[in-house]
N, C-alpha and C. Protein backbone atom coordinates (compact mmCIF):
# COMPACT_ATOMS: atom_id res chain seq x y z
N MET A 1 117.38 127.83 79.29
CA MET A 1 118.10 128.26 77.66
C MET A 1 119.04 129.49 78.21
N ILE A 2 118.54 130.89 78.24
CA ILE A 2 119.51 131.97 78.41
C ILE A 2 120.24 131.53 79.76
N ILE A 3 119.97 131.00 80.77
CA ILE A 3 121.29 130.84 81.75
C ILE A 3 122.36 129.94 80.91
N ASP A 4 121.86 128.70 80.47
CA ASP A 4 122.84 127.78 79.87
C ASP A 4 123.66 128.18 78.48
N ASP A 5 122.85 129.23 77.73
CA ASP A 5 124.03 130.04 76.66
C ASP A 5 124.96 130.99 77.58
N ILE A 6 125.00 131.15 78.57
CA ILE A 6 125.56 132.36 79.35
C ILE A 6 126.34 131.89 79.72
N ILE A 7 126.26 130.38 80.55
CA ILE A 7 127.14 129.66 81.05
C ILE A 7 128.41 129.15 79.69
N LEU A 8 128.02 128.99 79.03
CA LEU A 8 128.60 128.16 77.57
C LEU A 8 129.67 129.51 76.97
N ASP A 9 129.38 131.17 76.96
CA ASP A 9 129.84 131.62 76.60
C ASP A 9 131.06 132.19 77.92
N VAL A 10 130.82 132.19 78.39
CA VAL A 10 131.87 132.41 79.84
C VAL A 10 132.75 131.19 79.46
N GLU A 11 132.14 129.84 79.77
CA GLU A 11 133.61 128.92 79.51
C GLU A 11 134.15 128.78 78.50
N ALA A 12 133.92 129.11 77.43
CA ALA A 12 134.02 129.14 75.83
C ALA A 12 134.92 130.15 76.24
N THR A 13 134.84 131.77 76.35
CA THR A 13 135.80 132.63 76.64
C THR A 13 137.12 132.27 77.36
N LYS A 14 136.74 131.72 78.24
CA LYS A 14 137.98 131.45 79.82
C LYS A 14 138.91 130.37 78.87
N GLU A 15 138.17 129.48 78.32
CA GLU A 15 139.09 128.52 77.63
C GLU A 15 140.06 128.56 76.31
N ARG A 16 139.09 130.08 75.61
CA ARG A 16 140.10 130.54 74.34
C ARG A 16 140.75 131.83 74.41
N ASP A 17 140.61 132.35 76.03
CA ASP A 17 141.82 133.57 76.10
C ASP A 17 142.82 133.26 77.12
N PRO A 18 143.87 133.40 76.39
CA PRO A 18 144.72 132.68 77.35
C PRO A 18 145.08 133.76 78.88
N ALA A 19 144.27 135.33 78.90
CA ALA A 19 145.03 136.03 79.39
C ALA A 19 143.76 136.00 80.81
N ALA A 20 142.45 135.38 80.14
CA ALA A 20 141.39 134.56 81.61
C ALA A 20 141.68 134.12 82.95
N HIS A 21 141.90 133.62 84.18
CA HIS A 21 142.58 133.14 85.03
C HIS A 21 141.41 132.57 85.71
N SER A 22 139.90 133.16 86.05
CA SER A 22 138.81 132.12 85.93
C SER A 22 137.60 132.59 85.61
N SER A 23 136.65 131.42 85.92
CA SER A 23 134.77 131.88 84.89
C SER A 23 134.70 133.43 86.25
N MET A 24 134.73 133.53 86.96
CA MET A 24 134.33 134.39 87.43
C MET A 24 134.70 136.05 87.90
N GLU A 25 136.18 135.89 86.81
CA GLU A 25 136.82 137.43 86.62
C GLU A 25 136.27 137.09 85.06
N VAL A 26 135.75 136.17 84.02
CA VAL A 26 135.29 136.66 82.91
C VAL A 26 133.91 136.73 83.01
N LEU A 27 132.91 136.38 84.02
CA LEU A 27 131.56 137.41 83.61
C LEU A 27 131.79 138.48 84.63
N LEU A 28 131.87 138.53 85.13
CA LEU A 28 132.31 140.46 85.95
C LEU A 28 132.94 141.01 85.11
N LEU A 29 134.13 140.74 84.57
CA LEU A 29 135.15 142.04 83.53
C LEU A 29 135.44 142.01 82.48
N TYR A 30 134.81 140.99 81.80
CA TYR A 30 134.63 141.05 80.31
C TYR A 30 133.68 141.68 79.48
N GLN A 31 133.79 142.56 78.79
CA GLN A 31 132.98 143.82 78.16
C GLN A 31 132.25 142.55 77.01
N GLY A 32 133.08 141.61 76.48
CA GLY A 32 132.30 140.67 75.37
C GLY A 32 131.23 139.65 76.30
N VAL A 33 131.53 139.08 76.98
CA VAL A 33 130.34 138.77 77.87
C VAL A 33 129.36 139.53 78.06
N HIS A 34 129.41 140.30 78.87
CA HIS A 34 128.69 141.71 79.00
C HIS A 34 127.35 141.86 77.71
N ALA A 35 128.19 141.80 76.68
CA ALA A 35 127.78 142.05 75.79
C ALA A 35 126.78 140.65 75.10
N LEU A 36 127.28 139.49 74.89
CA LEU A 36 126.30 138.74 74.84
C LEU A 36 125.49 138.28 76.24
N ILE A 37 125.51 138.42 77.13
CA ILE A 37 124.49 138.07 77.89
C ILE A 37 123.22 139.23 77.81
N ALA A 38 123.49 140.95 77.73
CA ALA A 38 122.59 141.58 77.00
C ALA A 38 121.76 140.76 75.86
N HIS A 39 122.88 140.74 74.54
CA HIS A 39 122.10 140.47 73.97
C HIS A 39 120.88 139.13 74.03
N ARG A 40 121.16 138.42 74.79
CA ARG A 40 120.42 136.64 74.97
C ARG A 40 118.82 137.71 75.52
N PHE A 41 119.06 138.26 76.17
CA PHE A 41 117.90 138.66 77.13
C PHE A 41 117.30 139.99 75.81
N ALA A 42 117.56 140.86 75.20
CA ALA A 42 117.18 141.74 74.31
C ALA A 42 116.55 140.46 73.07
N HIS A 43 117.29 139.39 72.76
CA HIS A 43 116.40 139.00 71.75
C HIS A 43 115.67 137.64 71.92
N TRP A 44 115.22 137.77 73.60
CA TRP A 44 114.26 136.88 73.91
C TRP A 44 113.17 137.95 73.78
N PHE A 45 113.31 139.30 74.34
CA PHE A 45 112.01 140.47 74.09
C PHE A 45 111.92 140.36 72.32
N TYR A 46 113.00 140.47 71.48
CA TYR A 46 112.27 140.69 70.38
C TYR A 46 112.12 139.81 69.48
N GLU A 47 112.13 138.63 69.67
CA GLU A 47 111.36 137.56 69.15
C GLU A 47 109.82 137.18 69.48
N ARG A 48 109.70 137.42 70.94
CA ARG A 48 108.32 137.88 71.74
C ARG A 48 107.73 139.23 71.03
N LYS A 49 108.26 140.04 69.53
CA LYS A 49 107.59 141.32 69.67
C LYS A 49 108.08 142.24 70.37
N CYS A 50 108.68 142.67 71.27
CA CYS A 50 108.77 143.36 72.06
C CYS A 50 109.71 143.94 72.02
N PHE A 51 109.50 145.06 70.62
CA PHE A 51 110.64 145.48 70.67
C PHE A 51 111.26 146.76 70.67
N PHE A 52 110.39 147.65 71.33
CA PHE A 52 111.14 148.58 72.24
C PHE A 52 111.78 148.13 73.27
N ALA A 53 111.45 146.92 74.40
CA ALA A 53 112.26 146.94 75.35
C ALA A 53 113.57 146.11 75.17
N ALA A 54 113.69 145.26 73.56
CA ALA A 54 114.42 144.60 72.72
C ALA A 54 115.70 146.21 72.80
N ARG A 55 115.28 147.02 71.94
CA ARG A 55 115.81 147.80 71.43
C ARG A 55 116.78 148.42 72.69
N LEU A 56 116.07 148.95 73.95
CA LEU A 56 116.31 149.45 74.79
C LEU A 56 117.47 148.40 75.86
N ILE A 57 117.37 147.64 75.19
CA ILE A 57 118.43 146.64 76.64
C ILE A 57 120.41 146.55 74.99
N SER A 58 120.11 146.53 74.31
CA SER A 58 121.01 146.37 73.64
C SER A 58 121.68 148.15 73.24
N GLN A 59 121.05 148.97 73.25
CA GLN A 59 121.46 149.96 73.28
C GLN A 59 122.32 150.58 74.99
N ILE A 60 121.19 150.12 75.61
CA ILE A 60 122.28 150.41 76.96
C ILE A 60 123.41 149.21 76.97
N SER A 61 123.26 147.76 76.63
CA SER A 61 124.62 146.98 76.47
C SER A 61 125.80 147.74 75.39
N ARG A 62 125.30 148.54 74.62
CA ARG A 62 126.46 149.51 73.19
C ARG A 62 127.00 150.68 74.03
N PHE A 63 126.01 151.34 74.85
CA PHE A 63 126.97 152.16 75.62
C PHE A 63 127.84 152.12 76.48
N PHE A 64 127.13 150.82 77.63
CA PHE A 64 128.43 150.21 78.48
C PHE A 64 129.87 149.24 77.89
N THR A 65 129.55 149.11 76.67
CA THR A 65 130.27 147.53 76.21
C THR A 65 131.11 148.02 75.05
N GLN A 66 130.68 149.57 73.86
CA GLN A 66 131.23 149.90 72.69
C GLN A 66 130.77 148.59 71.82
N ILE A 67 129.81 147.60 72.12
CA ILE A 67 130.07 146.73 71.27
C ILE A 67 128.54 146.63 70.92
N GLU A 68 127.98 146.46 69.29
CA GLU A 68 126.54 147.02 69.26
C GLU A 68 125.84 145.80 68.07
N ILE A 69 125.03 144.70 68.63
CA ILE A 69 124.70 143.66 68.59
C ILE A 69 122.93 144.07 69.09
N HIS A 70 122.71 143.71 67.04
CA HIS A 70 120.98 144.10 66.92
C HIS A 70 120.25 143.59 67.56
N PRO A 71 119.12 143.31 68.38
CA PRO A 71 118.59 142.08 69.33
C PRO A 71 118.02 141.38 68.28
N GLY A 72 117.62 141.77 66.80
CA GLY A 72 116.87 140.72 66.11
C GLY A 72 118.66 139.91 65.44
N ALA A 73 119.65 139.35 65.47
CA ALA A 73 120.55 138.95 65.68
C ALA A 73 120.68 137.13 66.01
N LYS A 74 120.94 136.37 65.22
CA LYS A 74 120.76 134.98 65.90
C LYS A 74 121.71 134.92 65.87
N LEU A 75 122.36 134.25 67.36
CA LEU A 75 123.71 134.16 68.15
C LEU A 75 123.49 133.00 68.78
N GLY A 76 125.13 131.67 68.44
CA GLY A 76 124.93 130.71 68.38
C GLY A 76 125.31 130.44 70.29
N ARG A 77 125.59 129.18 70.30
CA ARG A 77 126.88 129.30 72.10
C ARG A 77 128.00 129.08 71.88
N GLY A 78 128.38 129.39 73.22
CA GLY A 78 130.13 129.35 73.01
C GLY A 78 130.76 129.98 72.30
N ILE A 79 129.79 131.63 71.98
CA ILE A 79 130.63 132.17 71.29
C ILE A 79 131.18 133.40 72.33
N VAL A 80 132.62 134.18 71.18
CA VAL A 80 133.82 134.72 72.58
C VAL A 80 134.21 136.04 71.49
N ILE A 81 133.89 136.72 71.80
CA ILE A 81 133.75 137.94 71.42
C ILE A 81 135.35 138.82 72.83
N ASP A 82 136.13 138.97 71.64
CA ASP A 82 137.06 139.02 72.46
C ASP A 82 137.80 140.28 72.34
N HIS A 83 138.25 141.11 73.38
CA HIS A 83 138.68 142.72 73.42
C HIS A 83 136.88 143.57 72.73
N GLY A 84 136.65 143.28 71.99
CA GLY A 84 135.12 143.77 71.24
C GLY A 84 134.63 145.08 70.89
N ALA A 85 135.65 145.93 70.96
CA ALA A 85 135.87 147.37 71.33
C ALA A 85 134.99 147.66 69.18
N GLY A 86 134.12 148.25 69.16
CA GLY A 86 133.91 148.57 67.80
C GLY A 86 133.21 147.63 67.00
N VAL A 87 132.64 146.44 67.71
CA VAL A 87 132.39 145.33 66.68
C VAL A 87 130.88 145.71 66.78
N VAL A 88 130.37 145.55 65.12
CA VAL A 88 128.82 145.71 64.92
C VAL A 88 128.10 144.39 64.46
N ILE A 89 126.88 143.64 64.73
CA ILE A 89 126.50 142.93 64.29
C ILE A 89 125.25 143.28 63.50
N GLY A 90 124.41 142.79 63.03
CA GLY A 90 123.31 143.96 62.04
C GLY A 90 122.25 142.55 62.32
N GLU A 91 121.13 143.22 62.04
CA GLU A 91 119.94 142.97 62.45
C GLU A 91 119.39 141.19 61.94
N THR A 92 119.85 140.88 60.79
CA THR A 92 119.15 139.59 59.99
C THR A 92 120.52 138.56 60.30
N ALA A 93 121.64 139.12 61.12
CA ALA A 93 123.31 138.17 61.07
C ALA A 93 122.64 136.98 61.52
N GLU A 94 123.23 136.21 62.02
CA GLU A 94 123.23 134.83 61.93
C GLU A 94 124.91 134.44 62.05
N VAL A 95 124.90 134.11 63.88
CA VAL A 95 126.60 133.41 64.04
C VAL A 95 126.40 131.91 64.80
N GLY A 96 127.07 130.85 64.24
CA GLY A 96 126.86 129.77 64.53
C GLY A 96 127.85 129.49 65.83
N ASN A 97 128.16 128.02 66.37
CA ASN A 97 128.74 127.31 67.71
C ASN A 97 130.19 127.85 67.80
N ASN A 98 130.73 128.89 68.47
CA ASN A 98 131.74 128.55 68.91
C ASN A 98 132.56 129.05 68.14
N CYS A 99 132.15 130.34 67.68
CA CYS A 99 133.14 131.72 67.22
C CYS A 99 134.03 132.22 67.83
N THR A 100 134.27 132.57 67.01
CA THR A 100 135.65 133.80 67.70
C THR A 100 135.37 135.22 66.84
N ILE A 101 135.28 136.17 67.73
CA ILE A 101 135.46 137.39 66.70
C ILE A 101 135.65 138.61 67.56
N TYR A 102 137.03 139.11 66.69
CA TYR A 102 137.61 140.40 67.29
C TYR A 102 137.57 141.80 67.70
N GLN A 103 137.75 142.32 67.65
CA GLN A 103 137.54 144.27 67.85
C GLN A 103 137.19 144.75 66.53
N GLY A 104 136.53 145.51 66.28
CA GLY A 104 136.93 146.27 65.03
C GLY A 104 136.13 145.48 64.11
N VAL A 105 134.92 144.47 64.67
CA VAL A 105 134.33 143.24 63.14
C VAL A 105 133.00 144.10 62.65
N THR A 106 132.54 143.87 61.96
CA THR A 106 131.27 144.68 61.25
C THR A 106 130.46 142.98 60.31
N LEU A 107 129.43 142.93 60.95
CA LEU A 107 128.83 141.87 60.12
C LEU A 107 127.85 142.72 59.29
N GLY A 108 127.24 143.22 58.51
CA GLY A 108 126.99 143.85 58.05
C GLY A 108 125.81 143.98 56.73
N GLY A 109 124.79 144.70 56.18
CA GLY A 109 124.19 144.51 55.24
C GLY A 109 124.75 145.55 54.34
N ILE A 110 124.32 144.87 52.73
CA ILE A 110 124.38 145.78 51.95
C ILE A 110 122.84 146.51 51.37
N GLY A 111 122.78 147.78 51.34
CA GLY A 111 121.34 148.55 50.80
C GLY A 111 120.29 148.40 52.06
N THR A 112 119.07 148.94 51.31
CA THR A 112 118.20 149.13 52.35
C THR A 112 117.17 148.47 52.58
N GLU A 113 116.56 147.95 51.66
CA GLU A 113 115.65 146.60 51.52
C GLU A 113 115.54 145.90 52.69
N LYS A 114 114.08 145.60 53.41
CA LYS A 114 114.27 144.42 54.38
C LYS A 114 114.47 143.47 53.90
N GLY A 115 114.12 142.29 54.79
CA GLY A 115 114.69 140.88 54.78
C GLY A 115 115.95 140.67 54.63
N LYS A 116 116.56 139.71 54.58
CA LYS A 116 117.51 139.02 55.43
C LYS A 116 118.72 140.07 54.17
N ARG A 117 119.71 140.34 55.05
CA ARG A 117 120.80 140.96 54.35
C ARG A 117 122.30 141.03 55.06
N HIS A 118 122.33 140.61 55.94
CA HIS A 118 123.67 140.25 56.55
C HIS A 118 124.08 138.92 56.63
N PRO A 119 125.15 138.29 57.31
CA PRO A 119 126.17 136.72 56.38
C PRO A 119 125.69 135.96 57.21
N THR A 120 125.54 135.13 57.46
CA THR A 120 125.07 133.87 58.15
C THR A 120 126.26 133.38 58.78
N LEU A 121 127.09 133.15 59.62
CA LEU A 121 128.23 131.92 59.89
C LEU A 121 127.97 131.13 60.01
N GLY A 122 128.65 130.01 59.95
CA GLY A 122 128.90 128.64 60.48
C GLY A 122 129.18 128.64 61.95
N ASN A 123 129.76 127.16 62.37
CA ASN A 123 130.28 126.70 63.49
C ASN A 123 131.92 126.88 62.87
N ASN A 124 132.26 127.31 64.21
CA ASN A 124 133.70 127.50 64.80
C ASN A 124 134.09 128.40 63.53
N VAL A 125 134.25 129.53 63.05
CA VAL A 125 134.72 130.62 62.59
C VAL A 125 134.96 131.29 63.53
N THR A 126 136.24 132.08 62.86
CA THR A 126 137.00 132.94 63.07
C THR A 126 137.30 134.32 62.47
N VAL A 127 136.83 135.66 62.93
CA VAL A 127 136.64 136.29 62.76
C VAL A 127 137.82 137.26 62.41
N GLY A 128 138.92 137.73 62.62
CA GLY A 128 139.73 138.48 62.75
C GLY A 128 139.81 140.31 62.88
N ALA A 129 140.55 140.46 64.08
CA ALA A 129 140.19 142.26 64.30
C ALA A 129 140.01 142.89 62.61
N GLY A 130 138.96 144.23 63.06
CA GLY A 130 138.96 145.13 61.69
C GLY A 130 138.32 144.12 60.50
N ALA A 131 137.91 142.98 60.72
CA ALA A 131 137.46 142.74 59.31
C ALA A 131 135.97 142.83 59.23
N LYS A 132 135.42 142.86 57.52
CA LYS A 132 134.03 143.07 57.40
C LYS A 132 133.74 142.25 56.66
N ILE A 133 132.39 141.71 56.93
CA ILE A 133 131.99 141.07 56.31
C ILE A 133 130.75 141.25 55.64
N LEU A 134 130.04 141.92 54.81
CA LEU A 134 129.08 142.71 54.55
C LEU A 134 128.24 141.90 53.47
N GLY A 135 127.05 141.85 53.19
CA GLY A 135 126.10 141.14 52.34
C GLY A 135 125.21 139.84 52.44
N SER A 136 124.26 139.36 52.39
CA SER A 136 123.73 137.89 52.71
C SER A 136 124.08 136.94 52.23
N PHE A 137 124.76 136.72 52.55
CA PHE A 137 125.50 134.82 52.51
C PHE A 137 125.82 134.32 53.50
N GLU A 138 126.39 133.08 53.13
CA GLU A 138 126.87 132.02 54.18
C GLU A 138 128.35 131.78 54.13
N VAL A 139 128.80 131.66 55.24
CA VAL A 139 130.43 131.82 55.83
C VAL A 139 130.71 130.06 56.44
N GLY A 140 130.84 129.42 55.24
CA GLY A 140 130.62 127.64 56.36
C GLY A 140 131.75 127.75 57.04
N ASP A 141 131.62 126.27 57.99
CA ASP A 141 132.26 126.40 59.31
C ASP A 141 134.07 125.97 59.18
N ASN A 142 134.79 126.41 59.98
CA ASN A 142 136.04 126.21 60.13
C ASN A 142 136.67 126.73 59.38
N CYS A 143 135.85 127.89 58.69
CA CYS A 143 136.63 129.24 58.18
C CYS A 143 137.24 130.40 58.79
N THR A 144 138.35 131.06 58.95
CA THR A 144 138.56 131.88 59.38
C THR A 144 138.93 133.27 58.29
N ILE A 145 138.34 134.57 58.91
CA ILE A 145 138.72 135.82 57.83
C ILE A 145 139.81 136.65 58.41
N ALA A 146 140.71 136.79 57.88
CA ALA A 146 141.84 137.73 58.55
C ALA A 146 141.56 138.84 58.94
N ALA A 147 142.46 139.06 59.67
CA ALA A 147 142.67 141.03 60.12
C ALA A 147 141.99 141.85 58.87
N ASN A 148 141.63 142.43 59.12
CA ASN A 148 141.56 144.23 58.07
C ASN A 148 140.89 143.16 56.61
N ALA A 149 140.37 141.78 56.85
CA ALA A 149 140.11 141.89 55.14
C ALA A 149 138.50 141.80 55.11
N VAL A 150 138.28 142.03 54.05
CA VAL A 150 137.02 142.51 53.19
C VAL A 150 135.68 141.51 52.50
N LEU A 151 135.08 140.73 53.30
CA LEU A 151 134.43 139.56 52.32
C LEU A 151 133.12 139.74 52.04
N LEU A 152 132.83 139.84 50.30
CA LEU A 152 131.53 139.97 49.91
C LEU A 152 130.98 139.00 49.80
N LYS A 153 131.51 137.32 49.40
CA LYS A 153 131.47 136.34 48.82
C LYS A 153 131.38 135.32 49.21
N PRO A 154 129.99 134.33 49.32
CA PRO A 154 129.89 133.17 50.13
C PRO A 154 131.26 132.10 49.84
N LEU A 155 131.27 131.82 51.33
CA LEU A 155 132.76 130.82 51.01
C LEU A 155 132.41 129.41 51.89
N LYS A 156 132.74 128.71 51.27
CA LYS A 156 132.62 126.52 51.35
C LYS A 156 133.46 126.69 53.10
N LYS A 157 133.12 125.38 53.84
CA LYS A 157 134.01 125.29 54.89
C LYS A 157 135.43 125.04 54.48
N ASN A 158 136.52 125.76 55.96
CA ASN A 158 137.75 124.83 55.81
C ASN A 158 138.60 126.20 55.19
N ILE A 159 137.98 127.24 54.62
CA ILE A 159 138.67 128.24 54.27
C ILE A 159 139.38 129.57 54.66
N THR A 160 140.36 130.02 54.58
CA THR A 160 141.20 131.22 55.54
C THR A 160 141.11 131.79 53.92
N VAL A 161 140.72 133.40 54.85
CA VAL A 161 140.15 134.60 54.05
C VAL A 161 141.34 136.17 54.01
N ALA A 162 142.06 136.32 53.07
CA ALA A 162 142.53 137.28 53.53
C ALA A 162 142.67 138.32 52.56
N GLY A 163 143.15 139.63 52.53
CA GLY A 163 142.97 141.34 52.04
C GLY A 163 141.49 142.05 51.88
N VAL A 164 141.70 143.01 50.38
CA VAL A 164 140.48 143.58 50.39
C VAL A 164 140.65 143.39 48.62
N PRO A 165 139.78 142.75 48.10
CA PRO A 165 138.41 142.17 48.77
C PRO A 165 139.10 140.68 48.79
N ALA A 166 138.38 140.42 50.35
CA ALA A 166 139.04 138.65 50.74
C ALA A 166 139.13 137.96 49.53
N LYS A 167 140.33 137.13 49.82
CA LYS A 167 140.42 135.74 48.62
C LYS A 167 141.11 134.85 49.53
N PRO A 168 140.92 133.37 48.94
CA PRO A 168 141.13 132.55 50.06
C PRO A 168 142.90 132.32 49.69
N VAL A 169 143.41 132.04 50.89
CA VAL A 169 144.77 131.65 51.20
C VAL A 169 144.98 130.45 51.49
N ARG A 170 143.94 129.87 51.97
CA ARG A 170 144.13 128.23 52.48
C ARG A 170 142.99 127.81 51.84
N ILE A 171 143.55 126.36 52.01
CA ILE A 171 141.97 125.71 51.66
C ILE A 171 142.09 124.36 52.44
N ASP A 172 141.53 123.59 53.10
CA ASP A 172 141.89 122.59 53.95
C ASP A 172 143.25 122.40 54.58
N GLY A 173 143.72 123.58 54.82
CA GLY A 173 144.98 123.69 55.79
C GLY A 173 146.26 123.84 54.58
N GLU A 174 145.85 123.89 53.29
CA GLU A 174 146.76 123.54 52.42
C GLU A 174 146.77 124.96 51.81
N GLU A 175 148.25 125.83 51.43
CA GLU A 175 148.40 127.46 50.75
C GLU A 175 147.98 126.93 49.13
N VAL A 176 147.13 128.03 49.08
CA VAL A 176 146.90 128.45 47.96
C VAL A 176 147.18 128.12 46.67
N ASN A 177 148.50 128.94 47.01
CA ASN A 177 149.33 128.95 45.58
C ASN A 177 151.06 128.20 45.52
N LYS A 178 150.26 127.24 46.49
CA LYS A 178 151.79 126.42 46.94
C LYS A 178 152.22 125.55 45.76
N ILE A 179 153.32 125.49 45.21
CA ILE A 179 154.00 124.12 44.26
C ILE A 179 153.44 123.11 44.60
N PRO A 180 152.85 122.65 43.73
CA PRO A 180 152.85 120.56 43.52
C PRO A 180 154.57 120.43 44.00
N HIS A 181 154.86 119.15 44.86
CA HIS A 181 155.27 118.48 45.35
C HIS A 181 156.30 117.96 43.93
N ALA A 182 155.39 117.24 42.90
CA ALA A 182 155.67 116.82 41.37
C ALA A 182 156.73 117.33 41.20
N TYR A 183 156.81 118.85 41.01
CA TYR A 183 157.45 119.89 40.52
C TYR A 183 158.58 120.55 41.38
N SER A 184 158.91 119.90 42.75
CA SER A 184 159.99 120.28 43.04
C SER A 184 160.78 119.92 42.76
N ALA A 185 161.36 118.86 42.78
CA ALA A 185 162.82 118.28 42.11
C ALA A 185 163.07 119.49 40.82
N ASP A 186 162.11 119.63 40.00
CA ASP A 186 162.69 120.42 38.93
C ASP A 186 163.19 121.83 39.26
N LEU A 187 162.27 122.26 40.45
CA LEU A 187 161.98 123.68 40.47
C LEU A 187 163.66 123.91 41.54
N GLY A 188 164.10 122.65 42.38
CA GLY A 188 165.42 122.57 42.44
C GLY A 188 166.76 122.52 41.37
N LYS A 189 166.37 121.29 40.13
CA LYS A 189 167.48 121.65 39.11
C LYS A 189 167.98 123.16 38.86
N LEU A 190 166.82 123.59 38.51
CA LEU A 190 166.72 124.79 38.08
C LEU A 190 166.96 126.30 39.01
N GLN A 191 167.12 126.19 40.17
CA GLN A 191 167.55 127.03 41.42
C GLN A 191 169.36 126.68 40.93
N ASP A 192 169.41 125.34 40.16
CA ASP A 192 170.60 124.64 40.37
C ASP A 192 171.58 125.27 39.58
N LYS A 193 171.13 125.27 38.18
CA LYS A 193 171.40 125.86 37.07
C LYS A 193 171.54 127.52 37.12
N ILE A 194 170.78 128.01 37.59
CA ILE A 194 170.50 129.53 37.84
C ILE A 194 172.26 129.63 38.70
N TYR A 195 172.16 129.19 39.44
CA TYR A 195 173.24 129.33 40.81
C TYR A 195 174.80 129.41 39.55
N VAL A 196 175.12 128.29 38.42
CA VAL A 196 175.91 128.03 37.90
C VAL A 196 176.19 128.92 36.95
N LEU A 197 174.45 129.19 36.29
CA LEU A 197 175.16 130.93 35.22
C LEU A 197 175.49 131.93 36.18
N GLU A 198 175.07 132.74 36.92
CA GLU A 198 175.34 133.46 37.77
C GLU A 198 176.28 133.79 38.24
N LYS A 199 177.31 132.42 38.47
CA LYS A 199 178.80 132.23 38.53
C LYS A 199 179.87 132.38 37.66
N ARG A 200 179.40 131.85 36.44
CA ARG A 200 179.62 131.70 34.81
C ARG A 200 179.64 133.42 34.79
N ILE A 201 178.42 134.13 35.10
CA ILE A 201 178.66 135.53 34.84
C ILE A 201 179.52 136.61 35.04
N ARG A 202 179.83 135.70 36.47
CA ARG A 202 180.51 137.34 37.20
C ARG A 202 181.74 136.95 36.76
N MET A 203 182.23 135.69 36.75
CA MET A 203 183.30 135.64 36.08
C MET A 203 184.03 136.19 35.02
N LEU A 204 182.93 136.05 34.24
CA LEU A 204 182.99 136.92 32.38
C LEU A 204 183.12 138.17 32.89
N GLU A 205 182.90 139.06 33.45
CA GLU A 205 182.53 140.22 34.02
C GLU A 205 183.55 140.32 34.62
N LYS A 206 184.57 139.59 35.54
CA LYS A 206 186.16 139.67 35.72
C LYS A 206 187.21 139.51 34.99
N ASN A 207 186.90 138.82 33.79
CA ASN A 207 188.06 138.56 33.04
C ASN A 207 186.66 138.42 31.49
N PRO A 208 186.54 139.57 30.99
CA PRO A 208 185.73 140.47 29.92
C PRO A 208 185.96 139.24 28.65
N GLY A 209 187.76 139.22 28.28
CA GLY A 209 188.61 138.41 27.24
C GLY A 209 188.60 137.16 27.54
N GLU A 210 187.88 135.97 28.57
CA GLU A 210 187.55 134.62 28.78
C GLU A 210 186.62 134.15 27.48
N MET A 211 187.08 133.21 26.86
CA MET A 211 185.96 132.63 26.24
C MET A 211 185.44 131.29 26.95
N LYS A 212 184.71 131.02 26.31
CA LYS A 212 184.23 129.21 26.46
C LYS A 212 184.85 128.58 26.88
N ASP A 213 185.94 128.47 26.14
CA ASP A 213 186.36 126.99 25.83
C ASP A 213 187.94 127.40 27.41
N GLY A 214 187.70 128.81 28.13
CA GLY A 214 188.61 129.15 28.83
C GLY A 214 190.03 129.60 28.24
N SER A 215 189.93 129.56 26.72
CA SER A 215 191.10 131.30 26.01
C SER A 215 190.81 131.93 26.00
N LYS A 216 191.90 132.91 25.99
CA LYS A 216 191.67 134.12 25.75
C LYS A 216 191.67 135.30 23.94
N GLU A 217 190.78 136.05 24.14
CA GLU A 217 190.51 136.67 23.06
C GLU A 217 191.69 137.21 22.85
N SER A 218 192.11 137.42 21.36
CA SER A 218 193.28 137.87 20.78
C SER A 218 193.18 139.40 20.75
């Protein structure tokens, strides 16, 4: 099972990282893959309550990869941690299949109470560089968290968020603040009227004595 997961992680990185040239290169030289491999063994020990061994593996991995994944975190298959430096994934965090996580990401908790306190990511979620997802809530499938966003609330599937705090900018591929098509024609007419009025204003500024009917003031 662990070997199968490692193979899928390597193949996912090779497919989704345009800089990767071969599976062997990814396996031997990519610290994101190394962190995932170490975590899968650490998690195996964690589930069997060998907490010291699990933590020892995770700390050694953190030292070499600069990626901190608590051995209690649950990670799916086909995950890519791209670049990876500064990534922190908390104890009760869960990451679904085929997710992509960039450098500086934090899947963190709020408060010091025991129990579920870290986020749960669905499948095919992308978390941009420097983004922070803080708290115990779910992020739906196919969501994208923009770089440096701070997400504090749950998301349904197929949503892109950005900002601090993070807010939806796309839902099901459509821009949130996009003007409805039914109003686009009226908007075009309004822009034409504005252009005519601006042209008229410029003419009056050049000839302040000119009246609306084209005559001159006496």
